[in-house]
Amino acid sequence: MPAIRSNQKTKKLAIALRHTPTPAEVKLWYYLRSNQHNGHSFRRQHAIGLYITDFCCIKQKLIIELDGGQHVEQVEYDRHRTEYLISRGYRVVRFWNDDVMKNINSVLESINEALKQK
């Protein structure tokens, strides 16, 4: 399925989100940035269509999403969003912010496994 470009509003929001990361995003980005994660390149707050992903490895078509407490209340929205991203050929892996903050090694191992799959 062809890529759908994000609109100007989504791009501006992605840029704003890059300037206000959560502590969990800062911590995970430390490991993912600059091809530090086994040579795989990730983008932070990457817009795909009308949605903004937390982290995206375009080459592997892998999206990493970090969920905080607000995601308990937006299950339906997250489901639609994930379905859309999957329909575009992406795989979506989700982690709780708390897991990133307290068990980063396990999160990184899971990301490594997801990167091995294609």
PDB file of N, CA and C in Angstrom:
ATOM      1  N   MET A   1       0.846  -1.170   0.000  1.00  0.00           N
ATOM      2  CA  MET A   1       0.000   0.000   0.000  1.00  0.00           C
ATOM      3  C   MET A   1       0.894   1.237   0.000  1.00  0.00           C
ATOM      4  N   PRO A   2       0.608   2.245  -0.800  1.00  0.00           N
ATOM      5  CA  PRO A   2       1.465   3.425  -0.882  1.00  0.00           C
ATOM      6  C   PRO A   2       1.460   4.223   0.420  1.00  0.00           C
ATOM      7  N   ALA A   3       2.573   4.879   0.667  1.00  0.00           N
ATOM      8  CA  ALA A   3       2.682   5.717   1.860  1.00  0.00           C
ATOM      9  C   ALA A   3       1.760   6.912   1.722  1.00  0.00           C
ATOM     10  N   ILE A   4       1.193   7.310   2.828  1.00  0.00           N
ATOM     11  CA  ILE A   4       0.361   8.502   2.842  1.00  0.00           C
ATOM     12  C   ILE A   4       1.151   9.577   3.576  1.00  0.00           C
ATOM     13  N   ARG A   5       1.352  10.677   2.906  1.00  0.00           N
ATOM     14  CA  ARG A   5       2.106  11.778   3.494  1.00  0.00           C
ATOM     15  C   ARG A   5       1.323  12.394   4.639  1.00  0.00           C
ATOM     16  N   SER A   6       2.052  12.864   5.632  1.00  0.00           N
ATOM     17  CA  SER A   6       1.390  13.557   6.730  1.00  0.00           C
ATOM     18  C   SER A   6       1.072  14.977   6.276  1.00  0.00           C
ATOM     19  N   ASN A   7       0.085  15.577   6.920  1.00  0.00           N
ATOM     20  CA  ASN A   7      -0.272  16.944   6.562  1.00  0.00           C
ATOM     21  C   ASN A   7       0.539  17.929   7.418  1.00  0.00           C
ATOM     22  N   GLN A   8       0.440  19.198   7.118  1.00  0.00           N
ATOM     23  CA  GLN A   8       1.224  20.219   7.825  1.00  0.00           C
ATOM     24  C   GLN A   8       0.910  20.247   9.320  1.00  0.00           C
ATOM     25  N   LYS A   9      -0.345  20.045   9.664  1.00  0.00           N
ATOM     26  CA  LYS A   9      -0.737  20.061  11.084  1.00  0.00           C
ATOM     27  C   LYS A   9      -0.049  18.926  11.835  1.00  0.00           C
ATOM     28  N   THR A  10      -0.034  17.728  11.231  1.00  0.00           N
ATOM     29  CA  THR A  10       0.605  16.574  11.867  1.00  0.00           C
ATOM     30  C   THR A  10       2.110  16.793  11.972  1.00  0.00           C
ATOM     31  N   LYS A  11       2.727  17.336  10.929  1.00  0.00           N
ATOM     32  CA  LYS A  11       4.171  17.610  10.959  1.00  0.00           C
ATOM     33  C   LYS A  11       4.518  18.592  12.068  1.00  0.00           C
ATOM     34  N   LYS A  12       3.718  19.655  12.216  1.00  0.00           N
ATOM     35  CA  LYS A  12       3.982  20.649  13.257  1.00  0.00           C
ATOM     36  C   LYS A  12       3.840  20.038  14.646  1.00  0.00           C
ATOM     37  N   LEU A  13       2.843  19.189  14.811  1.00  0.00           N
ATOM     38  CA  LEU A  13       2.662  18.523  16.100  1.00  0.00           C
ATOM     39  C   LEU A  13       3.841  17.595  16.400  1.00  0.00           C
ATOM     40  N   ALA A  14       4.323  16.878  15.400  1.00  0.00           N
ATOM     41  CA  ALA A  14       5.477  15.982  15.589  1.00  0.00           C
ATOM     42  C   ALA A  14       6.696  16.779  16.030  1.00  0.00           C
ATOM     43  N   ILE A  15       6.913  17.924  15.414  1.00  0.00           N
ATOM     44  CA  ILE A  15       8.046  18.771  15.787  1.00  0.00           C
ATOM     45  C   ILE A  15       7.901  19.247  17.227  1.00  0.00           C
ATOM     46  N   ALA A  16       6.696  19.659  17.596  1.00  0.00           N
ATOM     47  CA  ALA A  16       6.452  20.110  18.974  1.00  0.00           C
ATOM     48  C   ALA A  16       6.687  18.981  19.966  1.00  0.00           C
ATOM     49  N   LEU A  17       6.244  17.774  19.620  1.00  0.00           N
ATOM     50  CA  LEU A  17       6.429  16.633  20.517  1.00  0.00           C
ATOM     51  C   LEU A  17       7.906  16.277  20.690  1.00  0.00           C
ATOM     52  N   ARG A  18       8.714  16.525  19.678  1.00  0.00           N
ATOM     53  CA  ARG A  18      10.157  16.269  19.800  1.00  0.00           C
ATOM     54  C   ARG A  18      10.791  17.169  20.848  1.00  0.00           C
ATOM     55  N   HIS A  19      10.181  18.325  21.079  1.00  0.00           N
ATOM     56  CA  HIS A  19      10.721  19.277  22.047  1.00  0.00           C
ATOM     57  C   HIS A  19      10.225  19.033  23.470  1.00  0.00           C
ATOM     58  N   THR A  20       9.246  18.138  23.625  1.00  0.00           N
ATOM     59  CA  THR A  20       8.695  17.868  24.962  1.00  0.00           C
ATOM     60  C   THR A  20       8.580  16.359  25.211  1.00  0.00           C
ATOM     61  N   PRO A  21       9.689  15.640  25.151  1.00  0.00           N
ATOM     62  CA  PRO A  21       9.613  14.186  25.336  1.00  0.00           C
ATOM     63  C   PRO A  21       9.320  13.813  26.790  1.00  0.00           C
ATOM     64  N   THR A  22       8.722  12.645  26.947  1.00  0.00           N
ATOM     65  CA  THR A  22       8.507  12.117  28.293  1.00  0.00           C
ATOM     66  C   THR A  22       9.837  11.555  28.803  1.00  0.00           C
ATOM     67  N   PRO A  23       9.976  11.374  30.111  1.00  0.00           N
ATOM     68  CA  PRO A  23      11.213  10.775  30.627  1.00  0.00           C
ATOM     69  C   PRO A  23      11.501   9.394  30.007  1.00  0.00           C
ATOM     70  N   ALA A  24      10.460   8.606  29.776  1.00  0.00           N
ATOM     71  CA  ALA A  24      10.665   7.287  29.166  1.00  0.00           C
ATOM     72  C   ALA A  24      11.168   7.429  27.725  1.00  0.00           C
ATOM     73  N   GLU A  25      10.643   8.400  26.980  1.00  0.00           N
ATOM     74  CA  GLU A  25      11.108   8.626  25.608  1.00  0.00           C
ATOM     75  C   GLU A  25      12.572   9.062  25.601  1.00  0.00           C
ATOM     76  N   VAL A  26      12.947   9.934  26.532  1.00  0.00           N
ATOM     77  CA  VAL A  26      14.345  10.381  26.629  1.00  0.00           C
ATOM     78  C   VAL A  26      15.257   9.195  26.885  1.00  0.00           C
ATOM     79  N   LYS A  27      14.855   8.351  27.806  1.00  0.00           N
ATOM     80  CA  LYS A  27      15.691   7.196  28.168  1.00  0.00           C
ATOM     81  C   LYS A  27      15.837   6.230  26.997  1.00  0.00           C
ATOM     82  N   LEU A  28      14.744   5.880  26.345  1.00  0.00           N
ATOM     83  CA  LEU A  28      14.833   4.936  25.234  1.00  0.00           C
ATOM     84  C   LEU A  28      15.580   5.556  24.055  1.00  0.00           C
ATOM     85  N   TRP A  29      15.359   6.844  23.790  1.00  0.00           N
ATOM     86  CA  TRP A  29      16.036   7.509  22.677  1.00  0.00           C
ATOM     87  C   TRP A  29      17.553   7.471  22.861  1.00  0.00           C
ATOM     88  N   TYR A  30      18.023   7.524  24.096  1.00  0.00           N
ATOM     89  CA  TYR A  30      19.457   7.430  24.373  1.00  0.00           C
ATOM     90  C   TYR A  30      20.050   6.178  23.728  1.00  0.00           C
ATOM     91  N   TYR A  31      19.291   5.084  23.744  1.00  0.00           N
ATOM     92  CA  TYR A  31      19.769   3.817  23.199  1.00  0.00           C
ATOM     93  C   TYR A  31      19.497   3.666  21.696  1.00  0.00           C
ATOM     94  N   LEU A  32      18.490   4.349  21.195  1.00  0.00           N
ATOM     95  CA  LEU A  32      18.103   4.170  19.793  1.00  0.00           C
ATOM     96  C   LEU A  32      18.750   5.177  18.839  1.00  0.00           C
ATOM     97  N   ARG A  33      19.130   6.314  19.335  1.00  0.00           N
ATOM     98  CA  ARG A  33      19.605   7.389  18.457  1.00  0.00           C
ATOM     99  C   ARG A  33      20.935   7.064  17.784  1.00  0.00           C
ATOM    100  N   SER A  34      21.202   7.753  16.719  1.00  0.00           N
ATOM    101  CA  SER A  34      22.476   7.685  15.998  1.00  0.00           C
ATOM    102  C   SER A  34      22.900   6.266  15.640  1.00  0.00           C
ATOM    103  N   ASN A  35      21.957   5.451  15.227  1.00  0.00           N
ATOM    104  CA  ASN A  35      22.244   4.067  14.813  1.00  0.00           C
ATOM    105  C   ASN A  35      22.937   3.252  15.899  1.00  0.00           C
ATOM    106  N   GLN A  36      22.742   3.630  17.143  1.00  0.00           N
ATOM    107  CA  GLN A  36      23.398   2.926  18.238  1.00  0.00           C
ATOM    108  C   GLN A  36      22.782   1.561  18.501  1.00  0.00           C
ATOM    109  N   HIS A  37      21.601   1.353  18.012  1.00  0.00           N
ATOM    110  CA  HIS A  37      20.921   0.099  18.324  1.00  0.00           C
ATOM    111  C   HIS A  37      21.186  -0.914  17.209  1.00  0.00           C
ATOM    112  N   ASN A  38      22.328  -1.556  17.289  1.00  0.00           N
ATOM    113  CA  ASN A  38      22.738  -2.576  16.326  1.00  0.00           C
ATOM    114  C   ASN A  38      22.707  -2.067  14.890  1.00  0.00           C
ATOM    115  N   GLY A  39      23.038  -0.799  14.701  1.00  0.00           N
ATOM    116  CA  GLY A  39      23.111  -0.242  13.363  1.00  0.00           C
ATOM    117  C   GLY A  39      21.779   0.130  12.743  1.00  0.00           C
ATOM    118  N   HIS A  40      20.695  -0.030  13.466  1.00  0.00           N
ATOM    119  CA  HIS A  40      19.378   0.322  12.933  1.00  0.00           C
ATOM    120  C   HIS A  40      19.067   1.785  13.227  1.00  0.00           C
ATOM    121  N   SER A  41      18.573   2.470  12.224  1.00  0.00           N
ATOM    122  CA  SER A  41      18.264   3.881  12.333  1.00  0.00           C
ATOM    123  C   SER A  41      16.800   4.076  12.728  1.00  0.00           C
ATOM    124  N   PHE A  42      16.588   4.838  13.786  1.00  0.00           N
ATOM    125  CA  PHE A  42      15.234   5.160  14.248  1.00  0.00           C
ATOM    126  C   PHE A  42      14.992   6.649  14.115  1.00  0.00           C
ATOM    127  N   ARG A  43      13.742   7.000  13.877  1.00  0.00           N
ATOM    128  CA  ARG A  43      13.296   8.386  13.921  1.00  0.00           C
ATOM    129  C   ARG A  43      12.414   8.551  15.140  1.00  0.00           C
ATOM    130  N   ARG A  44      12.466   9.725  15.712  1.00  0.00           N
ATOM    131  CA  ARG A  44      11.668  10.028  16.906  1.00  0.00           C
ATOM    132  C   ARG A  44      10.508  10.908  16.496  1.00  0.00           C
ATOM    133  N   GLN A  45       9.313  10.626  17.014  1.00  0.00           N
ATOM    134  CA  GLN A  45       8.102  11.385  16.703  1.00  0.00           C
ATOM    135  C   GLN A  45       7.941  11.506  15.193  1.00  0.00           C
ATOM    136  N   HIS A  46       7.858  10.368  14.539  1.00  0.00           N
ATOM    137  CA  HIS A  46       7.766  10.295  13.083  1.00  0.00           C
ATOM    138  C   HIS A  46       6.300  10.233  12.659  1.00  0.00           C
ATOM    139  N   ALA A  47       5.899  11.152  11.778  1.00  0.00           N
ATOM    140  CA  ALA A  47       4.512  11.214  11.307  1.00  0.00           C
ATOM    141  C   ALA A  47       4.291  10.236  10.166  1.00  0.00           C
ATOM    142  N   ILE A  48       3.223   9.452  10.284  1.00  0.00           N
ATOM    143  CA  ILE A  48       2.772   8.537   9.227  1.00  0.00           C
ATOM    144  C   ILE A  48       1.286   8.806   9.043  1.00  0.00           C
ATOM    145  N   GLY A  49       0.941   9.376   7.916  1.00  0.00           N
ATOM    146  CA  GLY A  49      -0.454   9.763   7.699  1.00  0.00           C
ATOM    147  C   GLY A  49      -0.882  10.773   8.742  1.00  0.00           C
ATOM    148  N   LEU A  50      -1.986  10.494   9.406  1.00  0.00           N
ATOM    149  CA  LEU A  50      -2.490  11.404  10.442  1.00  0.00           C
ATOM    150  C   LEU A  50      -1.956  11.084  11.833  1.00  0.00           C
ATOM    151  N   TYR A  51      -1.080  10.091  11.932  1.00  0.00           N
ATOM    152  CA  TYR A  51      -0.601   9.639  13.233  1.00  0.00           C
ATOM    153  C   TYR A  51       0.876   9.950  13.420  1.00  0.00           C
ATOM    154  N   ILE A  52       1.272  10.100  14.675  1.00  0.00           N
ATOM    155  CA  ILE A  52       2.668  10.326  15.023  1.00  0.00           C
ATOM    156  C   ILE A  52       3.121   9.164  15.889  1.00  0.00           C
ATOM    157  N   THR A  53       4.184   8.515  15.449  1.00  0.00           N
ATOM    158  CA  THR A  53       4.724   7.379  16.188  1.00  0.00           C
ATOM    159  C   THR A  53       5.811   7.863  17.135  1.00  0.00           C
ATOM    160  N   ASP A  54       5.995   7.154  18.245  1.00  0.00           N
ATOM    161  CA  ASP A  54       7.046   7.538  19.184  1.00  0.00           C
ATOM    162  C   ASP A  54       8.421   7.322  18.549  1.00  0.00           C
ATOM    163  N   PHE A  55       8.660   6.106  18.041  1.00  0.00           N
ATOM    164  CA  PHE A  55       9.926   5.774  17.386  1.00  0.00           C
ATOM    165  C   PHE A  55       9.622   4.908  16.178  1.00  0.00           C
ATOM    166  N   CYS A  56      10.338   5.136  15.089  1.00  0.00           N
ATOM    167  CA  CYS A  56      10.089   4.373  13.873  1.00  0.00           C
ATOM    168  C   CYS A  56      11.408   4.021  13.193  1.00  0.00           C
ATOM    169  N   CYS A  57      11.603   2.736  12.922  1.00  0.00           N
ATOM    170  CA  CYS A  57      12.713   2.263  12.111  1.00  0.00           C
ATOM    171  C   CYS A  57      12.119   2.013  10.722  1.00  0.00           C
ATOM    172  N   ILE A  58      12.316   2.964   9.830  1.00  0.00           N
ATOM    173  CA  ILE A  58      11.673   2.900   8.519  1.00  0.00           C
ATOM    174  C   ILE A  58      12.154   1.689   7.727  1.00  0.00           C
ATOM    175  N   LYS A  59      13.452   1.427   7.749  1.00  0.00           N
ATOM    176  CA  LYS A  59      14.006   0.315   6.975  1.00  0.00           C
ATOM    177  C   LYS A  59      13.371  -1.022   7.369  1.00  0.00           C
ATOM    178  N   GLN A  60      13.166  -1.230   8.656  1.00  0.00           N
ATOM    179  CA  GLN A  60      12.574  -2.476   9.152  1.00  0.00           C
ATOM    180  C   GLN A  60      11.050  -2.389   9.256  1.00  0.00           C
ATOM    181  N   LYS A  61      10.497  -1.187   9.009  1.00  0.00           N
ATOM    182  CA  LYS A  61       9.053  -0.940   9.141  1.00  0.00           C
ATOM    183  C   LYS A  61       8.563  -1.353  10.531  1.00  0.00           C
ATOM    184  N   LEU A  62       9.339  -0.929  11.542  1.00  0.00           N
ATOM    185  CA  LEU A  62       9.042  -1.248  12.934  1.00  0.00           C
ATOM    186  C   LEU A  62       8.774   0.040  13.699  1.00  0.00           C
ATOM    187  N   ILE A  63       7.647   0.058  14.402  1.00  0.00           N
ATOM    188  CA  ILE A  63       7.265   1.199  15.235  1.00  0.00           C
ATOM    189  C   ILE A  63       7.322   0.769  16.692  1.00  0.00           C
ATOM    190  N   ILE A  64       7.947   1.606  17.506  1.00  0.00           N
ATOM    191  CA  ILE A  64       8.002   1.386  18.951  1.00  0.00           C
ATOM    192  C   ILE A  64       7.130   2.454  19.590  1.00  0.00           C
ATOM    193  N   GLU A  65       6.146   2.020  20.350  1.00  0.00           N
ATOM    194  CA  GLU A  65       5.244   2.940  21.048  1.00  0.00           C
ATOM    195  C   GLU A  65       5.437   2.781  22.550  1.00  0.00           C
ATOM    196  N   LEU A  66       5.489   3.902  23.247  1.00  0.00           N
ATOM    197  CA  LEU A  66       5.567   3.902  24.699  1.00  0.00           C
ATOM    198  C   LEU A  66       4.237   4.393  25.245  1.00  0.00           C
ATOM    199  N   ASP A  67       3.679   3.615  26.131  1.00  0.00           N
ATOM    200  CA  ASP A  67       2.354   3.928  26.663  1.00  0.00           C
ATOM    201  C   ASP A  67       2.424   4.302  28.135  1.00  0.00           C
ATOM    202  N   GLY A  68       1.765   5.389  28.461  1.00  0.00           N
ATOM    203  CA  GLY A  68       1.613   5.805  29.846  1.00  0.00           C
ATOM    204  C   GLY A  68       0.203   5.503  30.310  1.00  0.00           C
ATOM    205  N   GLY A  69      -0.151   6.003  31.455  1.00  0.00           N
ATOM    206  CA  GLY A  69      -1.460   5.742  32.037  1.00  0.00           C
ATOM    207  C   GLY A  69      -2.631   6.189  31.191  1.00  0.00           C
ATOM    208  N   GLN A  70      -2.454   7.219  30.353  1.00  0.00           N
ATOM    209  CA  GLN A  70      -3.557   7.723  29.527  1.00  0.00           C
ATOM    210  C   GLN A  70      -4.026   6.685  28.519  1.00  0.00           C
ATOM    211  N   HIS A  71      -3.182   5.724  28.189  1.00  0.00           N
ATOM    212  CA  HIS A  71      -3.551   4.724  27.184  1.00  0.00           C
ATOM    213  C   HIS A  71      -4.595   3.730  27.703  1.00  0.00           C
ATOM    214  N   VAL A  72      -4.738   3.643  29.006  1.00  0.00           N
ATOM    215  CA  VAL A  72      -5.782   2.792  29.579  1.00  0.00           C
ATOM    216  C   VAL A  72      -7.154   3.325  29.168  1.00  0.00           C
ATOM    217  N   GLU A  73      -7.257   4.642  29.022  1.00  0.00           N
ATOM    218  CA  GLU A  73      -8.528   5.288  28.702  1.00  0.00           C
ATOM    219  C   GLU A  73      -8.755   5.470  27.204  1.00  0.00           C
ATOM    220  N   GLN A  74      -7.763   5.181  26.379  1.00  0.00           N
ATOM    221  CA  GLN A  74      -7.922   5.392  24.945  1.00  0.00           C
ATOM    222  C   GLN A  74      -7.642   4.114  24.158  1.00  0.00           C
ATOM    223  N   VAL A  75      -8.136   3.013  24.660  1.00  0.00           N
ATOM    224  CA  VAL A  75      -7.911   1.707  24.050  1.00  0.00           C
ATOM    225  C   VAL A  75      -8.433   1.669  22.615  1.00  0.00           C
ATOM    226  N   GLU A  76      -9.618   2.185  22.395  1.00  0.00           N
ATOM    227  CA  GLU A  76     -10.227   2.149  21.063  1.00  0.00           C
ATOM    228  C   GLU A  76      -9.411   2.980  20.064  1.00  0.00           C
ATOM    229  N   TYR A  77      -8.987   4.168  20.477  1.00  0.00           N
ATOM    230  CA  TYR A  77      -8.167   5.011  19.615  1.00  0.00           C
ATOM    231  C   TYR A  77      -6.866   4.294  19.254  1.00  0.00           C
ATOM    232  N   ASP A  78      -6.200   3.716  20.254  1.00  0.00           N
ATOM    233  CA  ASP A  78      -4.945   2.998  20.012  1.00  0.00           C
ATOM    234  C   ASP A  78      -5.155   1.821  19.069  1.00  0.00           C
ATOM    235  N   ARG A  79      -6.283   1.141  19.195  1.00  0.00           N
ATOM    236  CA  ARG A  79      -6.571   0.001  18.325  1.00  0.00           C
ATOM    237  C   ARG A  79      -6.705   0.456  16.869  1.00  0.00           C
ATOM    238  N   HIS A  80      -7.463   1.524  16.646  1.00  0.00           N
ATOM    239  CA  HIS A  80      -7.628   2.050  15.282  1.00  0.00           C
ATOM    240  C   HIS A  80      -6.291   2.526  14.708  1.00  0.00           C
ATOM    241  N   ARG A  81      -5.535   3.199  15.544  1.00  0.00           N
ATOM    242  CA  ARG A  81      -4.231   3.715  15.137  1.00  0.00           C
ATOM    243  C   ARG A  81      -3.306   2.568  14.742  1.00  0.00           C
ATOM    244  N   THR A  82      -3.249   1.538  15.561  1.00  0.00           N
ATOM    245  CA  THR A  82      -2.405   0.376  15.279  1.00  0.00           C
ATOM    246  C   THR A  82      -2.864  -0.320  14.006  1.00  0.00           C
ATOM    247  N   GLU A  83      -4.164  -0.477  13.830  1.00  0.00           N
ATOM    248  CA  GLU A  83      -4.686  -1.099  12.602  1.00  0.00           C
ATOM    249  C   GLU A  83      -4.267  -0.305  11.371  1.00  0.00           C
ATOM    250  N   TYR A  84      -4.330   1.020  11.454  1.00  0.00           N
ATOM    251  CA  TYR A  84      -3.918   1.861  10.336  1.00  0.00           C
ATOM    252  C   TYR A  84      -2.434   1.643  10.019  1.00  0.00           C
ATOM    253  N   LEU A  85      -1.600   1.670  11.042  1.00  0.00           N
ATOM    254  CA  LEU A  85      -0.155   1.510  10.833  1.00  0.00           C
ATOM    255  C   LEU A  85       0.173   0.130  10.259  1.00  0.00           C
ATOM    256  N   ILE A  86      -0.518  -0.893  10.739  1.00  0.00           N
ATOM    257  CA  ILE A  86      -0.327  -2.244  10.197  1.00  0.00           C
ATOM    258  C   ILE A  86      -0.757  -2.285   8.735  1.00  0.00           C
ATOM    259  N   SER A  87      -1.840  -1.598   8.409  1.00  0.00           N
ATOM    260  CA  SER A  87      -2.317  -1.576   7.016  1.00  0.00           C
ATOM    261  C   SER A  87      -1.304  -0.912   6.089  1.00  0.00           C
ATOM    262  N   ARG A  88      -0.409  -0.130   6.648  1.00  0.00           N
ATOM    263  CA  ARG A  88       0.651   0.514   5.877  1.00  0.00           C
ATOM    264  C   ARG A  88       1.932  -0.323   5.860  1.00  0.00           C
ATOM    265  N   GLY A  89       1.853  -1.527   6.415  1.00  0.00           N
ATOM    266  CA  GLY A  89       2.999  -2.442   6.365  1.00  0.00           C
ATOM    267  C   GLY A  89       3.935  -2.371   7.560  1.00  0.00           C
ATOM    268  N   TYR A  90       3.575  -1.625   8.579  1.00  0.00           N
ATOM    269  CA  TYR A  90       4.413  -1.504   9.772  1.00  0.00           C
ATOM    270  C   TYR A  90       4.044  -2.551  10.815  1.00  0.00           C
ATOM    271  N   ARG A  91       5.020  -2.896  11.631  1.00  0.00           N
ATOM    272  CA  ARG A  91       4.779  -3.700  12.828  1.00  0.00           C
ATOM    273  C   ARG A  91       4.858  -2.754  14.013  1.00  0.00           C
ATOM    274  N   VAL A  92       3.987  -2.940  14.980  1.00  0.00           N
ATOM    275  CA  VAL A  92       3.928  -2.045  16.135  1.00  0.00           C
ATOM    276  C   VAL A  92       4.220  -2.851  17.396  1.00  0.00           C
ATOM    277  N   VAL A  93       5.204  -2.371  18.157  1.00  0.00           N
ATOM    278  CA  VAL A  93       5.560  -2.983  19.434  1.00  0.00           C
ATOM    279  C   VAL A  93       5.335  -1.932  20.511  1.00  0.00           C
ATOM    280  N   ARG A  94       4.620  -2.320  21.565  1.00  0.00           N
ATOM    281  CA  ARG A  94       4.286  -1.381  22.634  1.00  0.00           C
ATOM    282  C   ARG A  94       4.956  -1.777  23.949  1.00  0.00           C
ATOM    283  N   PHE A  95       5.378  -0.757  24.680  1.00  0.00           N
ATOM    284  CA  PHE A  95       5.941  -0.936  26.017  1.00  0.00           C
ATOM    285  C   PHE A  95       5.325   0.110  26.931  1.00  0.00           C
ATOM    286  N   TRP A  96       5.160  -0.251  28.186  1.00  0.00           N
ATOM    287  CA  TRP A  96       4.718   0.718  29.182  1.00  0.00           C
ATOM    288  C   TRP A  96       5.899   1.598  29.564  1.00  0.00           C
ATOM    289  N   ASN A  97       5.636   2.864  29.807  1.00  0.00           N
ATOM    290  CA  ASN A  97       6.689   3.784  30.256  1.00  0.00           C
ATOM    291  C   ASN A  97       7.432   3.218  31.453  1.00  0.00           C
ATOM    292  N   ASP A  98       6.698   2.631  32.368  1.00  0.00           N
ATOM    293  CA  ASP A  98       7.283   2.070  33.584  1.00  0.00           C
ATOM    294  C   ASP A  98       8.314   0.979  33.260  1.00  0.00           C
ATOM    295  N   ASP A  99       8.039   0.172  32.228  1.00  0.00           N
ATOM    296  CA  ASP A  99       8.998  -0.864  31.829  1.00  0.00           C
ATOM    297  C   ASP A  99      10.297  -0.238  31.329  1.00  0.00           C
ATOM    298  N   VAL A 100      10.186   0.824  30.549  1.00  0.00           N
ATOM    299  CA  VAL A 100      11.374   1.514  30.041  1.00  0.00           C
ATOM    300  C   VAL A 100      12.182   2.074  31.212  1.00  0.00           C
ATOM    301  N   MET A 101      11.511   2.669  32.156  1.00  0.00           N
ATOM    302  CA  MET A 101      12.204   3.309  33.268  1.00  0.00           C
ATOM    303  C   MET A 101      12.833   2.307  34.238  1.00  0.00           C
ATOM    304  N   LYS A 102      12.185   1.165  34.434  1.00  0.00           N
ATOM    305  CA  LYS A 102      12.657   0.209  35.450  1.00  0.00           C
ATOM    306  C   LYS A 102      13.346  -1.027  34.896  1.00  0.00           C
ATOM    307  N   ASN A 103      13.138  -1.330  33.610  1.00  0.00           N
ATOM    308  CA  ASN A 103      13.678  -2.569  33.058  1.00  0.00           C
ATOM    309  C   ASN A 103      14.114  -2.372  31.603  1.00  0.00           C
ATOM    310  N   ILE A 104      14.985  -1.397  31.375  1.00  0.00           N
ATOM    311  CA  ILE A 104      15.385  -1.027  30.022  1.00  0.00           C
ATOM    312  C   ILE A 104      16.041  -2.190  29.279  1.00  0.00           C
ATOM    313  N   ASN A 105      16.797  -3.035  29.983  1.00  0.00           N
ATOM    314  CA  ASN A 105      17.472  -4.141  29.299  1.00  0.00           C
ATOM    315  C   ASN A 105      16.468  -5.107  28.670  1.00  0.00           C
ATOM    316  N   SER A 106      15.385  -5.380  29.355  1.00  0.00           N
ATOM    317  CA  SER A 106      14.346  -6.254  28.815  1.00  0.00           C
ATOM    318  C   SER A 106      13.673  -5.606  27.601  1.00  0.00           C
ATOM    319  N   VAL A 107      13.430  -4.313  27.678  1.00  0.00           N
ATOM    320  CA  VAL A 107      12.829  -3.585  26.555  1.00  0.00           C
ATOM    321  C   VAL A 107      13.755  -3.646  25.351  1.00  0.00           C
ATOM    322  N   LEU A 108      15.042  -3.414  25.558  1.00  0.00           N
ATOM    323  CA  LEU A 108      16.008  -3.450  24.458  1.00  0.00           C
ATOM    324  C   LEU A 108      16.120  -4.844  23.846  1.00  0.00           C
ATOM    325  N   GLU A 109      16.047  -5.874  24.676  1.00  0.00           N
ATOM    326  CA  GLU A 109      16.066  -7.246  24.160  1.00  0.00           C
ATOM    327  C   GLU A 109      14.842  -7.503  23.283  1.00  0.00           C
ATOM    328  N   SER A 110      13.688  -7.037  23.712  1.00  0.00           N
ATOM    329  CA  SER A 110      12.463  -7.205  22.922  1.00  0.00           C
ATOM    330  C   SER A 110      12.554  -6.458  21.593  1.00  0.00           C
ATOM    331  N   ILE A 111      13.145  -5.283  21.627  1.00  0.00           N
ATOM    332  CA  ILE A 111      13.323  -4.514  20.388  1.00  0.00           C
ATOM    333  C   ILE A 111      14.282  -5.256  19.458  1.00  0.00           C
ATOM    334  N   ASN A 112      15.367  -5.802  20.015  1.00  0.00           N
ATOM    335  CA  ASN A 112      16.302  -6.596  19.207  1.00  0.00           C
ATOM    336  C   ASN A 112      15.595  -7.754  18.516  1.00  0.00           C
ATOM    337  N   GLU A 113      14.762  -8.452  19.255  1.00  0.00           N
ATOM    338  CA  GLU A 113      14.015  -9.589  18.669  1.00  0.00           C
ATOM    339  C   GLU A 113      13.083  -9.104  17.567  1.00  0.00           C
ATOM    340  N   ALA A 114      12.423  -7.992  17.790  1.00  0.00           N
ATOM    341  CA  ALA A 114      11.505  -7.472  16.770  1.00  0.00           C
ATOM    342  C   ALA A 114      12.279  -7.049  15.512  1.00  0.00           C
ATOM    343  N   LEU A 115      13.476  -6.519  15.691  1.00  0.00           N
ATOM    344  CA  LEU A 115      14.282  -6.111  14.542  1.00  0.00           C
ATOM    345  C   LEU A 115      14.769  -7.311  13.722  1.00  0.00           C
ATOM    346  N   LYS A 116      14.932  -8.457  14.370  1.00  0.00           N
ATOM    347  CA  LYS A 116      15.368  -9.665  13.665  1.00  0.00           C
ATOM    348  C   LYS A 116      14.270 -10.221  12.795  1.00  0.00           C
ATOM    349  N   GLN A 117      13.026  -9.972  13.152  1.00  0.00           N
ATOM    350  CA  GLN A 117      11.885 -10.462  12.373  1.00  0.00           C
ATOM    351  C   GLN A 117      11.634  -9.505  11.219  1.00  0.00           C
ATOM    352  N   LYS A 118      11.064 -10.018  10.173  1.00  0.00           N
ATOM    353  CA  LYS A 118      10.714  -9.120   9.075  1.00  0.00           C
ATOM    354  C   LYS A 118       9.537  -9.625   8.317  1.00  0.00           C
TER     355      LYS A 118
END
